[in-house]
Amino acid sequence: MAFTEKDMQAQEEQLNALNQKFDAQLKGMGLTEDDLKQQEAMTPEVEALVAKAKEEAKRAGEARKAQASLDNRPSGKAPGAGRRGVVRL
């Protein structure tokens, strides 16, 4: 299916509707877009929580990587499974 001019116009209309909804929400909260762009310094408590979350994510990633390496078995036939009904001693 090709992306047509009609599809582009539909997307632009959806985007405009979402932008209007977002602007209405900002106005309702008494904020402006400039308020969203300003970054405030994190408190030491927040910095500690962020560091803790990053460390937990790092450990979880390492655990997933270790588990994946254990689950990574060769996909070939099992040794000795060449002929049906034959038992290797």
PDB file of N, CA and C in Angstrom:
ATOM      1  N   MET A   1       0.847  -1.173   0.000  1.00  0.00           N
ATOM      2  CA  MET A   1       0.000   0.000   0.000  1.00  0.00           C
ATOM      3  C   MET A   1       0.892   1.235   0.000  1.00  0.00           C
ATOM      4  N   ALA A   2       0.678   2.098  -0.919  1.00  0.00           N
ATOM      5  CA  ALA A   2       1.486   3.304  -1.070  1.00  0.00           C
ATOM      6  C   ALA A   2       0.945   4.415  -0.173  1.00  0.00           C
ATOM      7  N   PHE A   3       1.843   5.219   0.309  1.00  0.00           N
ATOM      8  CA  PHE A   3       1.486   6.375   1.130  1.00  0.00           C
ATOM      9  C   PHE A   3       1.102   7.501   0.185  1.00  0.00           C
ATOM     10  N   THR A   4      -0.145   7.948   0.266  1.00  0.00           N
ATOM     11  CA  THR A   4      -0.640   8.932  -0.692  1.00  0.00           C
ATOM     12  C   THR A   4      -0.773  10.311  -0.052  1.00  0.00           C
ATOM     13  N   GLU A   5      -1.068  11.283  -0.886  1.00  0.00           N
ATOM     14  CA  GLU A   5      -1.280  12.657  -0.418  1.00  0.00           C
ATOM     15  C   GLU A   5      -2.453  12.712   0.548  1.00  0.00           C
ATOM     16  N   LYS A   6      -3.474  11.891   0.273  1.00  0.00           N
ATOM     17  CA  LYS A   6      -4.644  11.844   1.145  1.00  0.00           C
ATOM     18  C   LYS A   6      -4.262  11.345   2.541  1.00  0.00           C
ATOM     19  N   ASP A   7      -3.396  10.328   2.595  1.00  0.00           N
ATOM     20  CA  ASP A   7      -2.913   9.814   3.879  1.00  0.00           C
ATOM     21  C   ASP A   7      -2.136  10.891   4.631  1.00  0.00           C
ATOM     22  N   MET A   8      -1.333  11.650   3.904  1.00  0.00           N
ATOM     23  CA  MET A   8      -0.542  12.722   4.509  1.00  0.00           C
ATOM     24  C   MET A   8      -1.457  13.787   5.106  1.00  0.00           C
ATOM     25  N   GLN A   9      -2.491  14.156   4.400  1.00  0.00           N
ATOM     26  CA  GLN A   9      -3.430  15.156   4.898  1.00  0.00           C
ATOM     27  C   GLN A   9      -4.158  14.646   6.145  1.00  0.00           C
ATOM     28  N   ALA A  10      -4.514  13.367   6.145  1.00  0.00           N
ATOM     29  CA  ALA A  10      -5.188  12.782   7.304  1.00  0.00           C
ATOM     30  C   ALA A  10      -4.273  12.816   8.526  1.00  0.00           C
ATOM     31  N   GLN A  11      -2.984  12.516   8.327  1.00  0.00           N
ATOM     32  CA  GLN A  11      -2.033  12.564   9.431  1.00  0.00           C
ATOM     33  C   GLN A  11      -1.861  13.985   9.949  1.00  0.00           C
ATOM     34  N   GLU A  12      -1.806  14.948   9.050  1.00  0.00           N
ATOM     35  CA  GLU A  12      -1.660  16.342   9.461  1.00  0.00           C
ATOM     36  C   GLU A  12      -2.871  16.795  10.264  1.00  0.00           C
ATOM     37  N   GLU A  13      -4.065  16.367   9.867  1.00  0.00           N
ATOM     38  CA  GLU A  13      -5.278  16.713  10.615  1.00  0.00           C
ATOM     39  C   GLU A  13      -5.251  16.101  12.008  1.00  0.00           C
ATOM     40  N   GLN A  14      -4.806  14.853  12.106  1.00  0.00           N
ATOM     41  CA  GLN A  14      -4.702  14.200  13.408  1.00  0.00           C
ATOM     42  C   GLN A  14      -3.688  14.923  14.291  1.00  0.00           C
ATOM     43  N   LEU A  15      -2.570  15.306  13.709  1.00  0.00           N
ATOM     44  CA  LEU A  15      -1.541  16.012  14.456  1.00  0.00           C
ATOM     45  C   LEU A  15      -2.048  17.363  14.947  1.00  0.00           C
ATOM     46  N   ASN A  16      -2.754  18.077  14.101  1.00  0.00           N
ATOM     47  CA  ASN A  16      -3.328  19.368  14.511  1.00  0.00           C
ATOM     48  C   ASN A  16      -4.327  19.187  15.651  1.00  0.00           C
ATOM     49  N   ALA A  17      -5.144  18.146  15.583  1.00  0.00           N
ATOM     50  CA  ALA A  17      -6.117  17.882  16.644  1.00  0.00           C
ATOM     51  C   ALA A  17      -5.404  17.571  17.961  1.00  0.00           C
ATOM     52  N   LEU A  18      -4.334  16.778  17.888  1.00  0.00           N
ATOM     53  CA  LEU A  18      -3.576  16.455  19.096  1.00  0.00           C
ATOM     54  C   LEU A  18      -2.888  17.696  19.660  1.00  0.00           C
ATOM     55  N   ASN A  19      -2.347  18.535  18.786  1.00  0.00           N
ATOM     56  CA  ASN A  19      -1.700  19.767  19.247  1.00  0.00           C
ATOM     57  C   ASN A  19      -2.698  20.677  19.953  1.00  0.00           C
ATOM     58  N   GLN A  20      -3.900  20.783  19.422  1.00  0.00           N
ATOM     59  CA  GLN A  20      -4.927  21.613  20.057  1.00  0.00           C
ATOM     60  C   GLN A  20      -5.312  21.040  21.418  1.00  0.00           C
ATOM     61  N   LYS A  21      -5.419  19.730  21.504  1.00  0.00           N
ATOM     62  CA  LYS A  21      -5.763  19.092  22.771  1.00  0.00           C
ATOM     63  C   LYS A  21      -4.653  19.334  23.798  1.00  0.00           C
ATOM     64  N   PHE A  22      -3.409  19.217  23.365  1.00  0.00           N
ATOM     65  CA  PHE A  22      -2.263  19.440  24.242  1.00  0.00           C
ATOM     66  C   PHE A  22      -2.228  20.889  24.729  1.00  0.00           C
ATOM     67  N   ASP A  23      -2.459  21.827  23.810  1.00  0.00           N
ATOM     68  CA  ASP A  23      -2.477  23.248  24.188  1.00  0.00           C
ATOM     69  C   ASP A  23      -3.577  23.528  25.208  1.00  0.00           C
ATOM     70  N   ALA A  24      -4.726  22.886  25.035  1.00  0.00           N
ATOM     71  CA  ALA A  24      -5.827  23.075  25.980  1.00  0.00           C
ATOM     72  C   ALA A  24      -5.456  22.522  27.361  1.00  0.00           C
ATOM     73  N   GLN A  25      -4.761  21.384  27.378  1.00  0.00           N
ATOM     74  CA  GLN A  25      -4.337  20.815  28.653  1.00  0.00           C
ATOM     75  C   GLN A  25      -3.315  21.714  29.340  1.00  0.00           C
ATOM     76  N   LEU A  26      -2.371  22.258  28.573  1.00  0.00           N
ATOM     77  CA  LEU A  26      -1.382  23.182  29.146  1.00  0.00           C
ATOM     78  C   LEU A  26      -2.076  24.401  29.737  1.00  0.00           C
ATOM     79  N   LYS A  27      -3.032  24.946  28.987  1.00  0.00           N
ATOM     80  CA  LYS A  27      -3.750  26.136  29.448  1.00  0.00           C
ATOM     81  C   LYS A  27      -4.522  25.823  30.720  1.00  0.00           C
ATOM     82  N   GLY A  28      -5.113  24.635  30.780  1.00  0.00           N
ATOM     83  CA  GLY A  28      -5.860  24.221  31.961  1.00  0.00           C
ATOM     84  C   GLY A  28      -4.980  24.104  33.199  1.00  0.00           C
ATOM     85  N   MET A  29      -3.719  23.739  33.001  1.00  0.00           N
ATOM     86  CA  MET A  29      -2.798  23.624  34.130  1.00  0.00           C
ATOM     87  C   MET A  29      -2.083  24.939  34.424  1.00  0.00           C
ATOM     88  N   GLY A  30      -2.300  25.919  33.580  1.00  0.00           N
ATOM     89  CA  GLY A  30      -1.650  27.208  33.788  1.00  0.00           C
ATOM     90  C   GLY A  30      -0.183  27.211  33.389  1.00  0.00           C
ATOM     91  N   LEU A  31       0.183  26.388  32.420  1.00  0.00           N
ATOM     92  CA  LEU A  31       1.569  26.297  31.963  1.00  0.00           C
ATOM     93  C   LEU A  31       1.696  26.805  30.537  1.00  0.00           C
ATOM     94  N   THR A  32       2.930  27.113  30.144  1.00  0.00           N
ATOM     95  CA  THR A  32       3.239  27.453  28.758  1.00  0.00           C
ATOM     96  C   THR A  32       4.273  26.458  28.256  1.00  0.00           C
ATOM     97  N   GLU A  33       4.535  26.490  26.959  1.00  0.00           N
ATOM     98  CA  GLU A  33       5.552  25.590  26.404  1.00  0.00           C
ATOM     99  C   GLU A  33       6.930  25.932  26.944  1.00  0.00           C
ATOM    100  N   ASP A  34       7.168  27.202  27.242  1.00  0.00           N
ATOM    101  CA  ASP A  34       8.459  27.599  27.806  1.00  0.00           C
ATOM    102  C   ASP A  34       8.668  26.981  29.185  1.00  0.00           C
ATOM    103  N   ASP A  35       7.584  26.822  29.948  1.00  0.00           N
ATOM    104  CA  ASP A  35       7.690  26.181  31.256  1.00  0.00           C
ATOM    105  C   ASP A  35       8.166  24.738  31.120  1.00  0.00           C
ATOM    106  N   LEU A  36       7.748  24.067  30.050  1.00  0.00           N
ATOM    107  CA  LEU A  36       8.142  22.675  29.836  1.00  0.00           C
ATOM    108  C   LEU A  36       9.608  22.558  29.440  1.00  0.00           C
ATOM    109  N   LYS A  37      10.147  23.564  28.794  1.00  0.00           N
ATOM    110  CA  LYS A  37      11.521  23.524  28.303  1.00  0.00           C
ATOM    111  C   LYS A  37      12.542  23.803  29.403  1.00  0.00           C
ATOM    112  N   GLN A  38      12.123  24.433  30.488  1.00  0.00           N
ATOM    113  CA  GLN A  38      13.044  24.758  31.565  1.00  0.00           C
ATOM    114  C   GLN A  38      13.358  23.507  32.373  1.00  0.00           C
ATOM    115  N   GLN A  39      14.638  23.312  32.620  1.00  0.00           N
ATOM    116  CA  GLN A  39      15.066  22.190  33.438  1.00  0.00           C
ATOM    117  C   GLN A  39      15.527  22.713  34.784  1.00  0.00           C
ATOM    118  N   GLU A  40      15.076  22.055  35.811  1.00  0.00           N
ATOM    119  CA  GLU A  40      15.499  22.419  37.151  1.00  0.00           C
ATOM    120  C   GLU A  40      16.511  21.389  37.637  1.00  0.00           C
ATOM    121  N   ALA A  41      17.387  21.821  38.516  1.00  0.00           N
ATOM    122  CA  ALA A  41      18.379  20.913  39.071  1.00  0.00           C
ATOM    123  C   ALA A  41      17.693  19.864  39.934  1.00  0.00           C
ATOM    124  N   MET A  42      18.202  18.635  39.877  1.00  0.00           N
ATOM    125  CA  MET A  42      17.629  17.560  40.678  1.00  0.00           C
ATOM    126  C   MET A  42      18.121  17.675  42.119  1.00  0.00           C
ATOM    127  N   THR A  43      17.252  17.315  43.013  1.00  0.00           N
ATOM    128  CA  THR A  43      17.642  17.293  44.421  1.00  0.00           C
ATOM    129  C   THR A  43      18.519  16.064  44.667  1.00  0.00           C
ATOM    130  N   PRO A  44      19.298  16.060  45.731  1.00  0.00           N
ATOM    131  CA  PRO A  44      20.143  14.888  46.015  1.00  0.00           C
ATOM    132  C   PRO A  44      19.335  13.601  46.165  1.00  0.00           C
ATOM    133  N   GLU A  45      18.126  13.702  46.704  1.00  0.00           N
ATOM    134  CA  GLU A  45      17.292  12.506  46.857  1.00  0.00           C
ATOM    135  C   GLU A  45      16.906  11.936  45.501  1.00  0.00           C
ATOM    136  N   VAL A  46      16.539  12.826  44.587  1.00  0.00           N
ATOM    137  CA  VAL A  46      16.159  12.379  43.247  1.00  0.00           C
ATOM    138  C   VAL A  46      17.368  11.805  42.520  1.00  0.00           C
ATOM    139  N   GLU A  47      18.524  12.434  42.672  1.00  0.00           N
ATOM    140  CA  GLU A  47      19.737  11.913  42.037  1.00  0.00           C
ATOM    141  C   GLU A  47      20.060  10.518  42.543  1.00  0.00           C
ATOM    142  N   ALA A  48      19.890  10.283  43.849  1.00  0.00           N
ATOM    143  CA  ALA A  48      20.148   8.965  44.416  1.00  0.00           C
ATOM    144  C   ALA A  48      19.171   7.935  43.855  1.00  0.00           C
ATOM    145  N   LEU A  49      17.902   8.307  43.725  1.00  0.00           N
ATOM    146  CA  LEU A  49      16.908   7.386  43.168  1.00  0.00           C
ATOM    147  C   LEU A  49      17.199   7.061  41.708  1.00  0.00           C
ATOM    148  N   VAL A  50      17.623   8.061  40.944  1.00  0.00           N
ATOM    149  CA  VAL A  50      17.953   7.840  39.528  1.00  0.00           C
ATOM    150  C   VAL A  50      19.162   6.907  39.419  1.00  0.00           C
ATOM    151  N   ALA A  51      20.173   7.129  40.245  1.00  0.00           N
ATOM    152  CA  ALA A  51      21.360   6.276  40.217  1.00  0.00           C
ATOM    153  C   ALA A  51      20.997   4.839  40.580  1.00  0.00           C
ATOM    154  N   LYS A  52      20.130   4.682  41.586  1.00  0.00           N
ATOM    155  CA  LYS A  52      19.698   3.347  41.998  1.00  0.00           C
ATOM    156  C   LYS A  52      18.937   2.654  40.865  1.00  0.00           C
ATOM    157  N   ALA A  53      18.049   3.383  40.200  1.00  0.00           N
ATOM    158  CA  ALA A  53      17.272   2.808  39.098  1.00  0.00           C
ATOM    159  C   ALA A  53      18.177   2.401  37.938  1.00  0.00           C
ATOM    160  N   LYS A  54      19.191   3.227  37.641  1.00  0.00           N
ATOM    161  CA  LYS A  54      20.129   2.887  36.563  1.00  0.00           C
ATOM    162  C   LYS A  54      20.910   1.625  36.910  1.00  0.00           C
ATOM    163  N   GLU A  55      21.336   1.500  38.165  1.00  0.00           N
ATOM    164  CA  GLU A  55      22.089   0.320  38.591  1.00  0.00           C
ATOM    165  C   GLU A  55      21.229  -0.933  38.500  1.00  0.00           C
ATOM    166  N   GLU A  56      19.970  -0.842  38.927  1.00  0.00           N
ATOM    167  CA  GLU A  56      19.066  -1.992  38.832  1.00  0.00           C
ATOM    168  C   GLU A  56      18.823  -2.383  37.376  1.00  0.00           C
ATOM    169  N   ALA A  57      18.681  -1.400  36.506  1.00  0.00           N
ATOM    170  CA  ALA A  57      18.483  -1.691  35.081  1.00  0.00           C
ATOM    171  C   ALA A  57      19.711  -2.359  34.491  1.00  0.00           C
ATOM    172  N   LYS A  58      20.885  -1.913  34.922  1.00  0.00           N
ATOM    173  CA  LYS A  58      22.130  -2.501  34.422  1.00  0.00           C
ATOM    174  C   LYS A  58      22.240  -3.958  34.862  1.00  0.00           C
ATOM    175  N   ARG A  59      21.928  -4.231  36.144  1.00  0.00           N
ATOM    176  CA  ARG A  59      21.981  -5.609  36.637  1.00  0.00           C
ATOM    177  C   ARG A  59      20.953  -6.488  35.934  1.00  0.00           C
ATOM    178  N   ALA A  60      19.768  -5.953  35.675  1.00  0.00           N
ATOM    179  CA  ALA A  60      18.735  -6.723  34.983  1.00  0.00           C
ATOM    180  C   ALA A  60      19.175  -7.050  33.560  1.00  0.00           C
ATOM    181  N   GLY A  61      19.825  -6.096  32.899  1.00  0.00           N
ATOM    182  CA  GLY A  61      20.320  -6.334  31.545  1.00  0.00           C
ATOM    183  C   GLY A  61      21.387  -7.410  31.525  1.00  0.00           C
ATOM    184  N   GLU A  62      22.274  -7.375  32.522  1.00  0.00           N
ATOM    185  CA  GLU A  62      23.316  -8.398  32.598  1.00  0.00           C
ATOM    186  C   GLU A  62      22.715  -9.770  32.873  1.00  0.00           C
ATOM    187  N   ALA A  63      21.687  -9.827  33.710  1.00  0.00           N
ATOM    188  CA  ALA A  63      21.031 -11.096  34.014  1.00  0.00           C
ATOM    189  C   ALA A  63      20.348 -11.656  32.764  1.00  0.00           C
ATOM    190  N   ARG A  64      19.689 -10.787  31.991  1.00  0.00           N
ATOM    191  CA  ARG A  64      19.051 -11.248  30.747  1.00  0.00           C
ATOM    192  C   ARG A  64      20.091 -11.767  29.767  1.00  0.00           C
ATOM    193  N   LYS A  65      21.225 -11.074  29.699  1.00  0.00           N
ATOM    194  CA  LYS A  65      22.287 -11.502  28.782  1.00  0.00           C
ATOM    195  C   LYS A  65      22.837 -12.858  29.201  1.00  0.00           C
ATOM    196  N   ALA A  66      23.032 -13.075  30.513  1.00  0.00           N
ATOM    197  CA  ALA A  66      23.537 -14.356  31.000  1.00  0.00           C
ATOM    198  C   ALA A  66      22.522 -15.467  30.726  1.00  0.00           C
ATOM    199  N   GLN A  67      21.247 -15.199  30.957  1.00  0.00           N
ATOM    200  CA  GLN A  67      20.213 -16.195  30.702  1.00  0.00           C
ATOM    201  C   GLN A  67      20.146 -16.538  29.222  1.00  0.00           C
ATOM    202  N   ALA A  68      20.285 -15.551  28.372  1.00  0.00           N
ATOM    203  CA  ALA A  68      20.239 -15.795  26.928  1.00  0.00           C
ATOM    204  C   ALA A  68      21.400 -16.673  26.496  1.00  0.00           C
ATOM    205  N   SER A  69      22.568 -16.481  27.088  1.00  0.00           N
ATOM    206  CA  SER A  69      23.716 -17.301  26.703  1.00  0.00           C
ATOM    207  C   SER A  69      23.513 -18.745  27.153  1.00  0.00           C
ATOM    208  N   LEU A  70      22.815 -18.965  28.282  1.00  0.00           N
ATOM    209  CA  LEU A  70      22.525 -20.324  28.729  1.00  0.00           C
ATOM    210  C   LEU A  70      21.491 -20.992  27.843  1.00  0.00           C
ATOM    211  N   ASP A  71      20.530 -20.219  27.360  1.00  0.00           N
ATOM    212  CA  ASP A  71      19.470 -20.765  26.511  1.00  0.00           C
ATOM    213  C   ASP A  71      19.911 -20.979  25.077  1.00  0.00           C
ATOM    214  N   ASN A  72      21.072 -20.487  24.715  1.00  0.00           N
ATOM    215  CA  ASN A  72      21.545 -20.550  23.336  1.00  0.00           C
ATOM    216  C   ASN A  72      22.191 -21.913  23.091  1.00  0.00           C
ATOM    217  N   ARG A  73      21.374 -22.877  22.708  1.00  0.00           N
ATOM    218  CA  ARG A  73      21.866 -24.220  22.420  1.00  0.00           C
ATOM    219  C   ARG A  73      21.924 -24.418  20.913  1.00  0.00           C
ATOM    220  N   PRO A  74      22.789 -25.290  20.448  1.00  0.00           N
ATOM    221  CA  PRO A  74      22.831 -25.554  19.003  1.00  0.00           C
ATOM    222  C   PRO A  74      21.498 -26.122  18.525  1.00  0.00           C
ATOM    223  N   SER A  75      21.132 -25.764  17.318  1.00  0.00           N
ATOM    224  CA  SER A  75      19.836 -26.180  16.808  1.00  0.00           C
ATOM    225  C   SER A  75      19.894 -27.481  16.017  1.00  0.00           C
ATOM    226  N   GLY A  76      21.056 -28.094  15.927  1.00  0.00           N
ATOM    227  CA  GLY A  76      21.176 -29.352  15.184  1.00  0.00           C
ATOM    228  C   GLY A  76      20.570 -30.515  15.941  1.00  0.00           C
ATOM    229  N   LYS A  77      20.659 -31.683  15.335  1.00  0.00           N
ATOM    230  CA  LYS A  77      20.122 -32.880  15.978  1.00  0.00           C
ATOM    231  C   LYS A  77      20.947 -33.228  17.214  1.00  0.00           C
ATOM    232  N   ALA A  78      20.295 -33.910  18.126  1.00  0.00           N
ATOM    233  CA  ALA A  78      20.989 -34.375  19.320  1.00  0.00           C
ATOM    234  C   ALA A  78      21.975 -35.468  18.907  1.00  0.00           C
ATOM    235  N   PRO A  79      23.103 -35.569  19.588  1.00  0.00           N
ATOM    236  CA  PRO A  79      24.067 -36.614  19.237  1.00  0.00           C
ATOM    237  C   PRO A  79      23.459 -38.003  19.415  1.00  0.00           C
ATOM    238  N   GLY A  80      23.702 -38.872  18.451  1.00  0.00           N
ATOM    239  CA  GLY A  80      23.192 -40.235  18.533  1.00  0.00           C
ATOM    240  C   GLY A  80      21.762 -40.387  18.075  1.00  0.00           C
ATOM    241  N   ALA A  81      21.170 -39.365  17.524  1.00  0.00           N
ATOM    242  CA  ALA A  81      19.793 -39.462  17.086  1.00  0.00           C
ATOM    243  C   ALA A  81      19.718 -39.672  15.571  1.00  0.00           C
ATOM    244  N   GLY A  82      20.658 -40.388  15.036  1.00  0.00           N
ATOM    245  CA  GLY A  82      20.725 -40.567  13.596  1.00  0.00           C
ATOM    246  C   GLY A  82      19.727 -41.529  13.044  1.00  0.00           C
ATOM    247  N   ARG A  83      19.474 -42.658  13.745  1.00  0.00           N
ATOM    248  CA  ARG A  83      18.570 -43.665  13.224  1.00  0.00           C
ATOM    249  C   ARG A  83      17.503 -43.973  14.253  1.00  0.00           C
ATOM    250  N   ARG A  84      16.278 -44.110  13.758  1.00  0.00           N
ATOM    251  CA  ARG A  84      15.159 -44.390  14.648  1.00  0.00           C
ATOM    252  C   ARG A  84      15.244 -45.814  15.182  1.00  0.00           C
ATOM    253  N   GLY A  85      14.953 -45.956  16.459  1.00  0.00           N
ATOM    254  CA  GLY A  85      14.917 -47.297  17.045  1.00  0.00           C
ATOM    255  C   GLY A  85      16.278 -47.826  17.438  1.00  0.00           C
ATOM    256  N   VAL A  86      17.336 -47.079  17.199  1.00  0.00           N
ATOM    257  CA  VAL A  86      18.682 -47.564  17.533  1.00  0.00           C
ATOM    258  C   VAL A  86      19.123 -46.861  18.797  1.00  0.00           C
ATOM    259  N   VAL A  87      19.628 -47.647  19.735  1.00  0.00           N
ATOM    260  CA  VAL A  87      20.102 -47.101  21.000  1.00  0.00           C
ATOM    261  C   VAL A  87      21.612 -47.206  21.010  1.00  0.00           C
ATOM    262  N   ARG A  88      22.269 -46.125  21.247  1.00  0.00           N
ATOM    263  CA  ARG A  88      23.734 -46.143  21.325  1.00  0.00           C
ATOM    264  C   ARG A  88      24.164 -46.495  22.730  1.00  0.00           C
ATOM    265  N   LEU A  89      25.155 -47.327  22.807  1.00  0.00           N
ATOM    266  CA  LEU A  89      25.687 -47.715  24.110  1.00  0.00           C
ATOM    267  C   LEU A  89      26.991 -47.025  24.375  1.00  0.00           C
TER     268      LEU A  89
END
